[in-house]
Amino acid sequence: MSETVVSIHNANIYQGNSLILSNVNFTVNKGEFVYLVGKTGTGKSSLLKTLYGELTLKEGTASVVGYDLKEMDWKKVPYLRRNLGVVFQDFQLLTDRTVHENLRFVLRATGWKDERLMEEKINDVLDKVGLKSKGFKMPFEMSGGEQQRVDIARALLNSPKLILADEPTGNLDPETSDEIMQLLFQIAKDYGASIIMATHDFIVINRYPSRMLKTEGSKVIDSAASQEPHKDEFPI
């Protein structure tokens, strides 16, 4: 039986006092790759923020990597996030530090203390994303694709069960986007990490088809709830 990494039932997602998504129901299992699609303003970001604890779950039930979101408070959020990896569209790297120093900063912030183990972990994640020889570089010395690989390496530092990727190909050219998608799918396959990827990139979805969650009309529609749709039956 597959391990459930995300489980949401009858959840209502709010931004402040505004109801954004209602009666949300879905599960994500270990190693599963799921697209989160929908027009701008339909709740994709609000759903992701709820999953990593930035927005409070007020109604319904949800569990993410073993943490009950209804019981989540500001003291517990750092522990939740140590079990998650987040990949951003705009990379959000520290521009005044090398790649190696960016990764070390995250390890220290999440409780690592042993210098040898930190060094081993940094080398390991850089190797996984094909950047083992570039830890000395500053972010501005790297291409957009390389910076996104650093962002993915950062997300892998604490061996997360779940990676939330917010438009990771949004600022990349098609060839580089293809490389990033291959890397993400390989991570899901080789390391058993579940990935939820928000995207508007229809070309990427066609090239790498997978299950989809679509935000529309304050609802989340799960392509797995019915027969797997054709691309023209489940548009973004």
C-alpha atoms as a PDB file:
ATOM      1  CA  MET A   1       0.000   0.000   0.000  1.00  0.00           C
ATOM      2  CA  SER A   2       1.370   3.415  -1.010  1.00  0.00           C
ATOM      3  CA  GLU A   3       2.381   5.882   1.675  1.00  0.00           C
ATOM      4  CA  THR A   4       0.136   8.966   1.708  1.00  0.00           C
ATOM      5  CA  VAL A   5       2.177  12.174   1.784  1.00  0.00           C
ATOM      6  CA  VAL A   6      -0.659  14.717   1.400  1.00  0.00           C
ATOM      7  CA  SER A   7      -4.259  14.134   2.437  1.00  0.00           C
ATOM      8  CA  ILE A   8      -6.900  16.877   2.309  1.00  0.00           C
ATOM      9  CA  HIS A   9     -10.592  16.369   3.044  1.00  0.00           C
ATOM     10  CA  ASN A  10     -13.481  18.855   2.923  1.00  0.00           C
ATOM     11  CA  ALA A  11     -11.040  21.745   3.275  1.00  0.00           C
ATOM     12  CA  ASN A  12     -11.919  25.392   2.738  1.00  0.00           C
ATOM     13  CA  ILE A  13      -8.936  27.588   1.835  1.00  0.00           C
ATOM     14  CA  TYR A  14      -9.015  31.232   2.911  1.00  0.00           C
ATOM     15  CA  GLN A  15      -6.914  34.331   2.274  1.00  0.00           C
ATOM     16  CA  GLY A  16      -7.774  36.416   5.311  1.00  0.00           C
ATOM     17  CA  ASN A  17     -11.561  36.289   5.494  1.00  0.00           C
ATOM     18  CA  SER A  18     -12.021  35.591   1.779  1.00  0.00           C
ATOM     19  CA  LEU A  19     -12.919  32.033   0.782  1.00  0.00           C
ATOM     20  CA  ILE A  20     -10.663  31.081  -2.134  1.00  0.00           C
ATOM     21  CA  LEU A  21     -11.236  27.327  -2.543  1.00  0.00           C
ATOM     22  CA  SER A  22     -14.082  25.277  -1.087  1.00  0.00           C
ATOM     23  CA  ASN A  23     -14.522  21.590  -0.292  1.00  0.00           C
ATOM     24  CA  VAL A  24     -11.021  20.586  -1.418  1.00  0.00           C
ATOM     25  CA  ASN A  25     -10.420  16.823  -1.472  1.00  0.00           C
ATOM     26  CA  PHE A  26      -7.345  14.996  -2.762  1.00  0.00           C
ATOM     27  CA  THR A  27      -4.456  12.778  -1.709  1.00  0.00           C
ATOM     28  CA  VAL A  28      -0.895  12.516  -3.024  1.00  0.00           C
ATOM     29  CA  ASN A  29       1.109   9.333  -2.532  1.00  0.00           C
ATOM     30  CA  LYS A  30       4.841   8.777  -2.166  1.00  0.00           C
ATOM     31  CA  GLY A  31       6.755   9.372  -5.394  1.00  0.00           C
ATOM     32  CA  GLU A  32       3.757  10.796  -7.238  1.00  0.00           C
ATOM     33  CA  PHE A  33       4.150  13.757  -9.637  1.00  0.00           C
ATOM     34  CA  VAL A  34       1.098  16.049  -9.733  1.00  0.00           C
ATOM     35  CA  TYR A  35       0.554  19.225 -11.732  1.00  0.00           C
ATOM     36  CA  LEU A  36      -1.391  22.096 -10.175  1.00  0.00           C
ATOM     37  CA  VAL A  37      -2.957  24.111 -12.990  1.00  0.00           C
ATOM     38  CA  GLY A  38      -5.516  26.881 -13.383  1.00  0.00           C
ATOM     39  CA  LYS A  39      -5.895  30.482 -14.439  1.00  0.00           C
ATOM     40  CA  THR A  40      -4.189  33.259 -12.490  1.00  0.00           C
ATOM     41  CA  GLY A  41      -6.218  34.156  -9.415  1.00  0.00           C
ATOM     42  CA  THR A  42      -8.005  30.820  -9.064  1.00  0.00           C
ATOM     43  CA  GLY A  43      -6.221  29.724  -5.900  1.00  0.00           C
ATOM     44  CA  LYS A  44      -3.086  27.794  -6.883  1.00  0.00           C
ATOM     45  CA  SER A  45      -0.779  29.904  -4.728  1.00  0.00           C
ATOM     46  CA  SER A  46      -3.230  29.858  -1.813  1.00  0.00           C
ATOM     47  CA  LEU A  47      -3.324  26.079  -1.923  1.00  0.00           C
ATOM     48  CA  LEU A  48       0.482  25.825  -1.973  1.00  0.00           C
ATOM     49  CA  LYS A  49       0.769  28.317   0.899  1.00  0.00           C
ATOM     50  CA  THR A  50      -1.669  26.232   2.932  1.00  0.00           C
ATOM     51  CA  LEU A  51       0.377  23.103   2.286  1.00  0.00           C
ATOM     52  CA  TYR A  52       3.588  24.700   3.605  1.00  0.00           C
ATOM     53  CA  GLY A  53       1.959  26.436   6.540  1.00  0.00           C
ATOM     54  CA  GLU A  54       1.903  30.082   5.451  1.00  0.00           C
ATOM     55  CA  LEU A  55      -1.905  30.108   5.409  1.00  0.00           C
ATOM     56  CA  THR A  56      -3.902  28.617   8.281  1.00  0.00           C
ATOM     57  CA  LEU A  57      -6.333  25.817   7.521  1.00  0.00           C
ATOM     58  CA  LYS A  58      -9.548  26.983   9.212  1.00  0.00           C
ATOM     59  CA  GLU A  59     -12.042  24.391   7.999  1.00  0.00           C
ATOM     60  CA  GLY A  60     -11.713  20.754   7.004  1.00  0.00           C
ATOM     61  CA  THR A  61      -8.827  18.373   7.661  1.00  0.00           C
ATOM     62  CA  ALA A  62      -5.405  18.022   6.099  1.00  0.00           C
ATOM     63  CA  SER A  63      -2.188  16.141   6.740  1.00  0.00           C
ATOM     64  CA  VAL A  64       1.112  17.001   5.025  1.00  0.00           C
ATOM     65  CA  VAL A  65       4.154  14.728   5.555  1.00  0.00           C
ATOM     66  CA  GLY A  66       2.587  13.573   8.806  1.00  0.00           C
ATOM     67  CA  TYR A  67       1.745  17.025  10.175  1.00  0.00           C
ATOM     68  CA  ASP A  68      -1.864  17.951  10.967  1.00  0.00           C
ATOM     69  CA  LEU A  69      -2.476  21.368   9.380  1.00  0.00           C
ATOM     70  CA  LYS A  70      -5.419  22.063  11.686  1.00  0.00           C
ATOM     71  CA  GLU A  71      -3.041  21.811  14.648  1.00  0.00           C
ATOM     72  CA  MET A  72      -0.373  23.939  12.973  1.00  0.00           C
ATOM     73  CA  ASP A  73       0.825  27.101  14.707  1.00  0.00           C
ATOM     74  CA  TRP A  74       3.830  29.340  14.156  1.00  0.00           C
ATOM     75  CA  LYS A  75       5.991  27.224  16.491  1.00  0.00           C
ATOM     76  CA  LYS A  76       5.363  24.054  14.467  1.00  0.00           C
ATOM     77  CA  VAL A  77       5.709  25.556  10.979  1.00  0.00           C
ATOM     78  CA  PRO A  78       9.562  25.310  10.905  1.00  0.00           C
ATOM     79  CA  TYR A  79       9.338  21.574  11.667  1.00  0.00           C
ATOM     80  CA  LEU A  80       6.822  21.084   8.858  1.00  0.00           C
ATOM     81  CA  ARG A  81       9.056  22.962   6.418  1.00  0.00           C
ATOM     82  CA  ARG A  82      12.109  20.885   7.335  1.00  0.00           C
ATOM     83  CA  ASN A  83      10.226  17.957   5.811  1.00  0.00           C
ATOM     84  CA  LEU A  84       9.308  19.890   2.658  1.00  0.00           C
ATOM     85  CA  GLY A  85      11.264  21.254  -0.269  1.00  0.00           C
ATOM     86  CA  VAL A  86      10.075  24.405  -2.012  1.00  0.00           C
ATOM     87  CA  VAL A  87      11.223  25.415  -5.511  1.00  0.00           C
ATOM     88  CA  PHE A  88      10.521  28.994  -6.568  1.00  0.00           C
ATOM     89  CA  GLN A  89      10.089  30.520 -10.012  1.00  0.00           C
ATOM     90  CA  ASP A  90      12.451  33.394  -9.176  1.00  0.00           C
ATOM     91  CA  PHE A  91      15.014  31.139  -7.400  1.00  0.00           C
ATOM     92  CA  GLN A  92      15.245  33.335  -4.230  1.00  0.00           C
ATOM     93  CA  LEU A  93      18.953  32.691  -3.788  1.00  0.00           C
ATOM     94  CA  LEU A  94      21.097  34.884  -1.557  1.00  0.00           C
ATOM     95  CA  THR A  95      22.884  37.000  -4.150  1.00  0.00           C
ATOM     96  CA  ASP A  96      25.852  37.940  -1.920  1.00  0.00           C
ATOM     97  CA  ARG A  97      26.857  34.314  -1.243  1.00  0.00           C
ATOM     98  CA  THR A  98      28.213  31.471  -3.306  1.00  0.00           C
ATOM     99  CA  VAL A  99      26.128  28.432  -4.173  1.00  0.00           C
ATOM    100  CA  HIS A 100      27.899  26.473  -1.428  1.00  0.00           C
ATOM    101  CA  GLU A 101      27.238  29.239   1.118  1.00  0.00           C
ATOM    102  CA  ASN A 102      23.555  29.423   0.088  1.00  0.00           C
ATOM    103  CA  LEU A 103      23.150  25.728   0.843  1.00  0.00           C
ATOM    104  CA  ARG A 104      25.126  25.895   4.074  1.00  0.00           C
ATOM    105  CA  PHE A 105      22.907  28.756   5.247  1.00  0.00           C
ATOM    106  CA  VAL A 106      19.797  26.577   4.839  1.00  0.00           C
ATOM    107  CA  LEU A 107      21.378  23.630   6.655  1.00  0.00           C
ATOM    108  CA  ARG A 108      22.367  25.803   9.608  1.00  0.00           C
ATOM    109  CA  ALA A 109      18.900  27.391   9.687  1.00  0.00           C
ATOM    110  CA  THR A 110      17.298  23.947   9.869  1.00  0.00           C
ATOM    111  CA  GLY A 111      19.417  22.708  12.751  1.00  0.00           C
ATOM    112  CA  TRP A 112      22.504  21.102  11.193  1.00  0.00           C
ATOM    113  CA  LYS A 113      25.713  21.568  13.216  1.00  0.00           C
ATOM    114  CA  ASP A 114      28.273  18.960  12.122  1.00  0.00           C
ATOM    115  CA  GLU A 115      30.582  20.580   9.542  1.00  0.00           C
ATOM    116  CA  ARG A 116      31.587  17.294   7.932  1.00  0.00           C
ATOM    117  CA  LEU A 117      28.006  16.134   7.499  1.00  0.00           C
ATOM    118  CA  MET A 118      27.008  19.506   6.062  1.00  0.00           C
ATOM    119  CA  GLU A 119      29.841  19.343   3.552  1.00  0.00           C
ATOM    120  CA  GLU A 120      28.817  15.824   2.528  1.00  0.00           C
ATOM    121  CA  LYS A 121      25.178  16.820   2.133  1.00  0.00           C
ATOM    122  CA  ILE A 122      25.988  19.891   0.026  1.00  0.00           C
ATOM    123  CA  ASN A 123      28.199  17.857  -2.293  1.00  0.00           C
ATOM    124  CA  ASP A 124      25.502  15.178  -2.539  1.00  0.00           C
ATOM    125  CA  VAL A 125      22.661  17.507  -3.571  1.00  0.00           C
ATOM    126  CA  LEU A 126      24.853  19.441  -6.011  1.00  0.00           C
ATOM    127  CA  ASP A 127      25.843  16.131  -7.583  1.00  0.00           C
ATOM    128  CA  LYS A 128      22.177  15.140  -7.900  1.00  0.00           C
ATOM    129  CA  VAL A 129      21.400  18.287  -9.905  1.00  0.00           C
ATOM    130  CA  GLY A 130      24.562  18.175 -12.022  1.00  0.00           C
ATOM    131  CA  LEU A 131      26.392  21.090 -10.376  1.00  0.00           C
ATOM    132  CA  LYS A 132      28.988  19.354  -8.215  1.00  0.00           C
ATOM    133  CA  SER A 133      31.836  21.467  -9.615  1.00  0.00           C
ATOM    134  CA  LYS A 134      30.029  24.826  -9.357  1.00  0.00           C
ATOM    135  CA  GLY A 135      29.578  25.331  -5.638  1.00  0.00           C
ATOM    136  CA  PHE A 136      32.114  28.179  -5.681  1.00  0.00           C
ATOM    137  CA  LYS A 137      30.079  30.305  -8.106  1.00  0.00           C
ATOM    138  CA  MET A 138      27.961  33.322  -7.221  1.00  0.00           C
ATOM    139  CA  PRO A 139      24.328  33.199  -8.401  1.00  0.00           C
ATOM    140  CA  PHE A 140      24.836  36.086 -10.853  1.00  0.00           C
ATOM    141  CA  GLU A 141      27.577  34.083 -12.557  1.00  0.00           C
ATOM    142  CA  MET A 142      25.120  31.313 -13.437  1.00  0.00           C
ATOM    143  CA  SER A 143      22.472  30.894 -16.109  1.00  0.00           C
ATOM    144  CA  GLY A 144      18.777  30.784 -15.226  1.00  0.00           C
ATOM    145  CA  GLY A 145      18.748  27.023 -15.645  1.00  0.00           C
ATOM    146  CA  GLU A 146      21.745  26.603 -13.344  1.00  0.00           C
ATOM    147  CA  GLN A 147      20.144  28.834 -10.709  1.00  0.00           C
ATOM    148  CA  GLN A 148      16.992  26.738 -10.878  1.00  0.00           C
ATOM    149  CA  ARG A 149      19.120  23.618 -10.353  1.00  0.00           C
ATOM    150  CA  VAL A 150      20.601  25.269  -7.253  1.00  0.00           C
ATOM    151  CA  ASP A 151      17.048  25.989  -6.085  1.00  0.00           C
ATOM    152  CA  ILE A 152      16.189  22.295  -6.537  1.00  0.00           C
ATOM    153  CA  ALA A 153      19.381  21.275  -4.718  1.00  0.00           C
ATOM    154  CA  ARG A 154      18.352  23.516  -1.826  1.00  0.00           C
ATOM    155  CA  ALA A 155      14.925  21.848  -1.772  1.00  0.00           C
ATOM    156  CA  LEU A 156      16.615  18.432  -1.457  1.00  0.00           C
ATOM    157  CA  LEU A 157      18.863  19.307   1.499  1.00  0.00           C
ATOM    158  CA  ASN A 158      16.671  17.772   4.190  1.00  0.00           C
ATOM    159  CA  SER A 159      15.634  14.735   2.105  1.00  0.00           C
ATOM    160  CA  PRO A 160      12.001  15.873   1.865  1.00  0.00           C
ATOM    161  CA  LYS A 161       9.078  13.542   1.287  1.00  0.00           C
ATOM    162  CA  LEU A 162       7.321  16.349  -0.615  1.00  0.00           C
ATOM    163  CA  ILE A 163       8.558  19.059  -2.988  1.00  0.00           C
ATOM    164  CA  LEU A 164       6.309  22.009  -3.840  1.00  0.00           C
ATOM    165  CA  ALA A 165       7.431  23.627  -7.094  1.00  0.00           C
ATOM    166  CA  ASP A 166       5.880  26.996  -7.967  1.00  0.00           C
ATOM    167  CA  GLU A 167       6.250  27.671 -11.721  1.00  0.00           C
ATOM    168  CA  PRO A 168       9.818  26.261 -11.825  1.00  0.00           C
ATOM    169  CA  THR A 169      10.029  26.626 -15.626  1.00  0.00           C
ATOM    170  CA  GLY A 170       8.286  29.992 -15.783  1.00  0.00           C
ATOM    171  CA  ASN A 171      11.449  32.035 -16.450  1.00  0.00           C
ATOM    172  CA  LEU A 172      13.292  29.479 -18.575  1.00  0.00           C
ATOM    173  CA  ASP A 173      13.661  28.852 -22.305  1.00  0.00           C
ATOM    174  CA  PRO A 174      12.116  25.638 -23.737  1.00  0.00           C
ATOM    175  CA  GLU A 175      15.365  23.636 -23.831  1.00  0.00           C
ATOM    176  CA  THR A 176      16.244  24.514 -20.242  1.00  0.00           C
ATOM    177  CA  SER A 177      12.658  23.868 -19.141  1.00  0.00           C
ATOM    178  CA  ASP A 178      12.968  20.389 -20.627  1.00  0.00           C
ATOM    179  CA  GLU A 179      16.147  19.740 -18.630  1.00  0.00           C
ATOM    180  CA  ILE A 180      14.490  20.894 -15.387  1.00  0.00           C
ATOM    181  CA  MET A 181      11.449  18.677 -15.983  1.00  0.00           C
ATOM    182  CA  GLN A 182      13.651  15.650 -16.618  1.00  0.00           C
ATOM    183  CA  LEU A 183      15.465  16.381 -13.367  1.00  0.00           C
ATOM    184  CA  LEU A 184      12.233  16.719 -11.346  1.00  0.00           C
ATOM    185  CA  PHE A 185      10.782  13.493 -12.711  1.00  0.00           C
ATOM    186  CA  GLN A 186      14.082  11.717 -12.025  1.00  0.00           C
ATOM    187  CA  ILE A 187      14.027  12.936  -8.420  1.00  0.00           C
ATOM    188  CA  ALA A 188      10.480  11.623  -7.965  1.00  0.00           C
ATOM    189  CA  LYS A 189      11.493   8.269  -9.442  1.00  0.00           C
ATOM    190  CA  ASP A 190      14.878   7.763  -7.789  1.00  0.00           C
ATOM    191  CA  TYR A 191      14.291   9.245  -4.348  1.00  0.00           C
ATOM    192  CA  GLY A 192      10.573   8.672  -3.847  1.00  0.00           C
ATOM    193  CA  ALA A 193       9.835  12.362  -3.301  1.00  0.00           C
ATOM    194  CA  SER A 194       6.309  13.443  -4.165  1.00  0.00           C
ATOM    195  CA  ILE A 195       6.146  16.603  -6.272  1.00  0.00           C
ATOM    196  CA  ILE A 196       3.300  19.079  -6.662  1.00  0.00           C
ATOM    197  CA  MET A 197       4.171  21.531  -9.433  1.00  0.00           C
ATOM    198  CA  ALA A 198       2.142  24.648 -10.159  1.00  0.00           C
ATOM    199  CA  THR A 199       2.484  25.650 -13.808  1.00  0.00           C
ATOM    200  CA  HIS A 200       0.953  27.494 -16.755  1.00  0.00           C
ATOM    201  CA  ASP A 201       3.310  25.771 -19.180  1.00  0.00           C
ATOM    202  CA  PHE A 202       1.044  23.730 -21.457  1.00  0.00           C
ATOM    203  CA  ILE A 203       4.008  22.601 -23.578  1.00  0.00           C
ATOM    204  CA  VAL A 204       5.663  21.056 -20.519  1.00  0.00           C
ATOM    205  CA  ILE A 205       2.446  19.289 -19.497  1.00  0.00           C
ATOM    206  CA  ASN A 206       1.998  17.805 -22.976  1.00  0.00           C
ATOM    207  CA  ARG A 207       5.623  16.646 -23.067  1.00  0.00           C
ATOM    208  CA  TYR A 208       5.571  15.186 -19.547  1.00  0.00           C
ATOM    209  CA  PRO A 209       1.966  14.093 -18.906  1.00  0.00           C
ATOM    210  CA  SER A 210       0.935  13.299 -15.361  1.00  0.00           C
ATOM    211  CA  ARG A 211      -1.995  13.659 -13.000  1.00  0.00           C
ATOM    212  CA  MET A 212      -3.453  17.166 -12.696  1.00  0.00           C
ATOM    213  CA  LEU A 213      -5.231  19.182 -10.045  1.00  0.00           C
ATOM    214  CA  LYS A 214      -7.060  22.129 -11.604  1.00  0.00           C
ATOM    215  CA  THR A 215      -8.289  25.181  -9.688  1.00  0.00           C
ATOM    216  CA  GLU A 216     -11.490  26.498 -11.249  1.00  0.00           C
ATOM    217  CA  GLY A 217     -14.579  28.243  -9.894  1.00  0.00           C
ATOM    218  CA  SER A 218     -13.381  27.973  -6.251  1.00  0.00           C
ATOM    219  CA  LYS A 219     -12.982  24.199  -6.668  1.00  0.00           C
ATOM    220  CA  VAL A 220     -10.071  21.799  -7.135  1.00  0.00           C
ATOM    221  CA  ILE A 221     -10.789  19.275  -9.886  1.00  0.00           C
ATOM    222  CA  ASP A 222      -8.712  16.098  -9.764  1.00  0.00           C
ATOM    223  CA  SER A 223      -7.989  14.406 -13.098  1.00  0.00           C
ATOM    224  CA  ALA A 224      -7.521  11.130 -11.188  1.00  0.00           C
ATOM    225  CA  ALA A 225     -11.161  11.230 -10.062  1.00  0.00           C
ATOM    226  CA  SER A 226     -12.288  10.226 -13.554  1.00  0.00           C
ATOM    227  CA  GLN A 227     -10.699   8.670 -16.580  1.00  0.00           C
ATOM    228  CA  GLU A 228      -7.367  10.273 -17.438  1.00  0.00           C
ATOM    229  CA  PRO A 229      -8.379  13.221 -19.667  1.00  0.00           C
ATOM    230  CA  HIS A 230      -7.039  14.069 -23.059  1.00  0.00           C
ATOM    231  CA  LYS A 231      -5.271  17.416 -23.253  1.00  0.00           C
ATOM    232  CA  ASP A 232      -8.253  19.055 -25.006  1.00  0.00           C
ATOM    233  CA  GLU A 233     -10.647  17.773 -22.327  1.00  0.00           C
ATOM    234  CA  PHE A 234      -8.733  19.215 -19.384  1.00  0.00           C
ATOM    235  CA  PRO A 235      -7.374  22.578 -20.535  1.00  0.00           C
ATOM    236  CA  ILE A 236      -5.433  24.940 -18.316  1.00  0.00           C
END
